[in-house]
Amino acid sequence: MTFSLLTLDRSTGQLGGVSATGNLCVGGWVLRGDAACGLSASHGAKPSVMWGEDVLAGMKRGVSATQAVSEVTAPIRGVTGGSWRRWTRTVAAVSSAVARMAPWSSI
């Protein structure tokens, strides 16, 4: 099991993120950040940095953290039948630009 926390100090604008798991090198897979736009965390049965990077790219374009998460997870929501289990993962983001956090989205 992996869990992550993303936080924003609204008074200073500082962002922070932590992650913990039973697997090695979780920090290299889960947390992504860019000082210009914010932080993201994604994890699941098959780790991939792509969701986190894609969420950051959305926030760099100026969309909110919530919108960036929705854009990244929308294509997966259409998967049906037994194959949906292979896509089970979560993603969240916090944007430094709008000082808002996106809720966790589970797929």
Protein backbone atom coordinates (compact mmCIF):
# COMPACT_ATOMS: atom_id res chain seq x y z
CA MET A 1 0.00 0.00 0.00
CA THR A 2 1.15 3.51 -0.82
CA PHE A 3 -0.16 6.75 0.58
CA SER A 4 0.72 10.34 -0.21
CA LEU A 5 -0.02 13.77 1.19
CA LEU A 6 0.14 17.04 -0.72
CA THR A 7 -0.18 20.32 1.12
CA LEU A 8 -0.22 24.03 0.53
CA ASP A 9 0.55 26.70 3.13
CA ARG A 10 -1.82 29.45 1.98
CA SER A 11 -0.05 32.10 4.04
CA THR A 12 3.39 31.53 2.44
CA GLY A 13 2.50 29.76 -0.82
CA GLN A 14 4.88 26.92 0.03
CA LEU A 15 4.01 23.45 -1.24
CA GLY A 16 4.95 20.13 0.33
CA GLY A 17 4.50 16.47 -0.46
CA VAL A 18 5.34 13.17 1.20
CA SER A 19 4.77 9.56 0.25
CA ALA A 20 5.28 6.24 1.99
CA THR A 21 5.08 2.65 0.83
CA GLY A 22 6.48 -0.81 1.35
CA ASN A 23 8.26 -0.62 -2.02
CA LEU A 24 11.66 0.89 -2.75
CA CYS A 25 12.16 4.26 -4.46
CA VAL A 26 8.61 5.51 -4.05
CA GLY A 27 9.71 9.12 -4.31
CA GLY A 28 10.98 8.60 -7.82
CA TRP A 29 7.66 7.16 -8.99
CA VAL A 30 4.95 8.94 -7.03
CA LEU A 31 5.73 12.61 -6.40
CA ARG A 32 6.23 15.10 -9.23
CA GLY A 33 6.74 18.82 -8.83
CA ASP A 34 7.45 22.05 -10.65
CA ALA A 35 8.03 25.32 -8.81
CA ALA A 36 6.15 27.20 -11.53
CA CYS A 37 2.89 25.27 -11.24
CA GLY A 38 2.61 22.84 -8.30
CA LEU A 39 2.82 19.22 -7.18
CA SER A 40 1.20 15.95 -8.16
CA ALA A 41 1.14 12.46 -6.70
CA SER A 42 0.00 9.33 -8.51
CA HIS A 43 0.19 5.70 -7.56
CA GLY A 44 -1.42 2.38 -8.23
CA ALA A 45 -0.88 -1.29 -8.90
CA LYS A 46 1.44 -0.50 -11.83
CA PRO A 47 3.39 2.70 -11.10
CA SER A 48 3.86 5.27 -13.82
CA VAL A 49 5.14 8.81 -13.72
CA MET A 50 3.02 9.75 -16.75
CA TRP A 51 -0.13 10.81 -14.88
CA GLY A 52 1.86 13.04 -12.56
CA GLU A 53 3.78 14.61 -15.44
CA ASP A 54 0.58 15.09 -17.47
CA VAL A 55 -1.15 16.80 -14.53
CA LEU A 56 1.80 19.18 -14.15
CA ALA A 57 1.70 19.92 -17.89
CA GLY A 58 -1.98 20.86 -17.56
CA MET A 59 -1.28 23.19 -14.66
CA LYS A 60 1.58 24.79 -16.65
CA ARG A 61 -0.99 25.56 -19.35
CA GLY A 62 -2.95 27.46 -16.70
CA VAL A 63 -5.76 25.05 -15.83
CA SER A 64 -6.65 24.40 -12.20
CA ALA A 65 -5.37 21.34 -10.36
CA THR A 66 -8.90 19.90 -10.40
CA GLN A 67 -9.23 20.39 -14.17
CA ALA A 68 -5.75 18.94 -14.82
CA VAL A 69 -6.61 15.79 -12.84
CA SER A 70 -9.95 15.48 -14.70
CA GLU A 71 -8.26 15.82 -18.08
CA VAL A 72 -5.70 13.12 -17.28
CA THR A 73 -8.18 10.62 -15.87
CA ALA A 74 -11.05 11.17 -18.35
CA PRO A 75 -9.81 8.76 -21.07
CA ILE A 76 -9.52 5.90 -18.56
CA ARG A 77 -13.07 6.32 -17.24
CA GLY A 78 -14.41 4.76 -20.45
CA VAL A 79 -12.71 1.39 -19.82
CA THR A 80 -15.35 -1.25 -19.09
CA GLY A 81 -15.57 -4.90 -18.23
CA GLY A 82 -12.89 -6.85 -16.38
CA SER A 83 -10.08 -4.80 -17.91
CA TRP A 84 -10.75 -1.81 -15.62
CA ARG A 85 -8.73 -3.40 -12.80
CA ARG A 86 -5.47 -2.99 -14.67
CA TRP A 87 -6.04 0.77 -14.65
CA THR A 88 -6.66 1.06 -10.90
CA ARG A 89 -4.61 4.01 -9.69
CA THR A 90 -5.05 7.35 -7.95
CA VAL A 91 -3.85 10.85 -8.68
CA ALA A 92 -4.06 14.23 -6.91
CA ALA A 93 -2.53 17.66 -7.39
CA VAL A 94 -2.03 21.02 -5.72
CA SER A 95 -1.49 24.13 -7.80
CA SER A 96 0.74 26.98 -6.71
CA ALA A 97 -0.95 29.29 -9.24
CA VAL A 98 -4.48 29.18 -7.88
CA ALA A 99 -3.70 27.95 -4.35
CA ARG A 100 -6.27 25.16 -4.60
CA MET A 101 -6.02 21.45 -4.15
CA ALA A 102 -7.63 18.87 -6.42
CA PRO A 103 -9.35 15.97 -4.69
CA TRP A 104 -8.01 12.47 -5.16
CA SER A 105 -9.37 10.83 -8.26
CA SER A 106 -9.50 7.04 -8.19
CA ILE A 107 -9.77 5.05 -11.38
